[in-house]
Protein backbone atom coordinates (compact mmCIF):
# COMPACT_ATOMS: atom_id res chain seq x y z
CA UNK A 1 104.91 72.96 107.06
CA UNK A 2 102.31 75.67 106.38
CA UNK A 3 99.53 75.11 103.92
CA UNK A 4 97.87 78.49 104.35
CA UNK A 5 99.39 81.91 104.71
CA UNK A 6 98.42 84.03 107.67
CA UNK A 7 96.86 87.47 107.34
CA UNK A 8 100.12 89.21 108.25
CA UNK A 9 102.05 87.49 105.46
CA UNK A 10 99.53 88.50 102.80
CA UNK A 11 98.33 91.87 104.05
CA UNK A 12 101.58 93.79 103.66
CA UNK A 13 101.29 97.24 102.13
CA UNK A 14 104.46 99.01 101.03
CA UNK A 15 105.76 101.96 102.99
CA UNK A 16 106.19 105.00 100.78
CA UNK A 17 108.95 107.38 101.89
CA UNK A 18 109.87 110.76 100.52
CA UNK A 19 107.78 113.76 99.58
CA UNK A 20 107.89 113.14 95.82
CA UNK A 21 106.76 109.53 96.17
CA UNK A 22 103.94 110.43 98.55
CA UNK A 23 102.84 113.24 96.23
CA UNK A 24 102.82 110.78 93.34
CA UNK A 25 100.67 108.34 95.36
CA UNK A 26 98.12 111.03 96.15
CA UNK A 27 98.24 112.29 92.56
CA UNK A 28 97.37 108.83 91.21
CA UNK A 29 94.65 108.50 93.88
CA UNK A 30 93.29 111.96 93.00
CA UNK A 31 93.22 111.02 89.31
CA UNK A 32 91.37 107.76 89.97
CA UNK A 33 88.78 108.91 92.50
CA UNK A 34 88.33 112.66 92.74
CA UNK A 35 89.07 113.91 89.22
CA UNK A 36 85.92 112.38 87.63
CA UNK A 37 83.73 114.24 90.14
CA UNK A 38 85.55 117.53 89.65
CA UNK A 39 85.33 117.31 85.85
CA UNK A 40 81.66 116.25 86.06
CA UNK A 41 80.82 119.20 88.33
CA UNK A 42 82.56 121.57 85.93
CA UNK A 43 80.75 120.15 82.89
CA UNK A 44 77.46 120.21 84.79
CA UNK A 45 77.98 123.86 85.73
CA UNK A 46 79.07 125.02 82.29
CA UNK A 47 76.75 122.97 80.06
CA UNK A 48 73.95 120.98 81.69
CA UNK A 49 73.50 118.88 84.83
CA UNK A 50 72.46 115.82 82.81
CA UNK A 51 75.64 116.04 80.76
CA UNK A 52 77.63 116.43 83.98
CA UNK A 53 76.15 113.21 85.39
CA UNK A 54 76.95 111.42 82.14
CA UNK A 55 80.54 112.66 82.22
CA UNK A 56 80.94 111.49 85.84
CA UNK A 57 79.63 108.02 84.99
CA UNK A 58 81.82 107.75 81.91
CA UNK A 59 84.94 108.92 83.74
CA UNK A 60 84.30 106.46 86.59
CA UNK A 61 84.20 103.65 84.04
CA UNK A 62 87.47 104.88 82.53
CA UNK A 63 89.11 105.28 85.95
CA UNK A 64 88.02 101.79 87.00
CA UNK A 65 89.60 100.34 83.85
CA UNK A 66 92.81 102.27 84.53
CA UNK A 67 92.74 101.16 88.18
CA UNK A 68 92.40 97.52 87.18
CA UNK A 69 95.35 97.86 84.79
CA UNK A 70 97.43 99.43 87.57
CA UNK A 71 96.32 96.64 89.90
CA UNK A 72 97.36 93.88 87.51
CA UNK A 73 100.69 95.47 86.66
CA UNK A 74 101.83 96.18 90.21
CA UNK A 75 100.26 93.80 92.75
CA UNK A 76 101.89 90.51 93.71
CA UNK A 77 99.90 87.44 92.73
CA UNK A 78 98.91 86.71 96.35
CA UNK A 79 97.08 90.03 96.67
CA UNK A 80 95.18 90.05 93.38
CA UNK A 81 92.17 88.24 94.85
CA UNK A 82 91.81 90.67 97.76
CA UNK A 83 89.67 93.76 97.76
CA UNK A 84 91.94 96.81 97.89
CA UNK A 85 91.08 100.49 97.91
CA UNK A 86 92.21 102.90 95.24
CA UNK A 87 94.75 104.40 97.64
CA UNK A 88 96.31 101.00 98.29
CA UNK A 89 96.45 100.28 94.55
CA UNK A 90 98.15 103.67 94.04
CA UNK A 91 100.69 102.83 96.78
CA UNK A 92 101.53 99.49 95.20
CA UNK A 93 101.85 101.05 91.74
CA UNK A 94 104.18 103.82 92.90
CA UNK A 95 106.18 101.35 94.99
CA UNK A 96 106.65 98.87 92.14
CA UNK A 97 107.26 101.25 89.23
CA UNK A 98 108.60 104.57 90.53
CA UNK A 99 109.90 104.52 94.11
CA UNK A 100 111.60 101.23 94.86
C-alpha cells in the first residue's frame, strides 16, 4: 500500500502528436510569453519607451491571468501544486481540450 506517489507517477507530461497540435501548443506559448514583449517593443518604438514598458507590464499581468485559467481548466488535480512552465501548461491545455 502506497501512501505517497513517486515522481514518475506525478510528473507525466502529455505527448503531443501531429503538426496542427504542435503548432497550436507553440501558438498558445507564443501568446502567453512572447507576444507581450513584441507588442511592447512595437508600442515603445511607435509612441514612447515609457508607454512600451507599461504595455509590457500590463500584458504580462493579463497573460499570467490567462495562464492560470488555462492551468486550472486543464491540469489534473495532482499537478496543480507543482511549478510548471508556460510551455507545459500549453501542452496540457492543448492535450485536454483540442488534441485528445
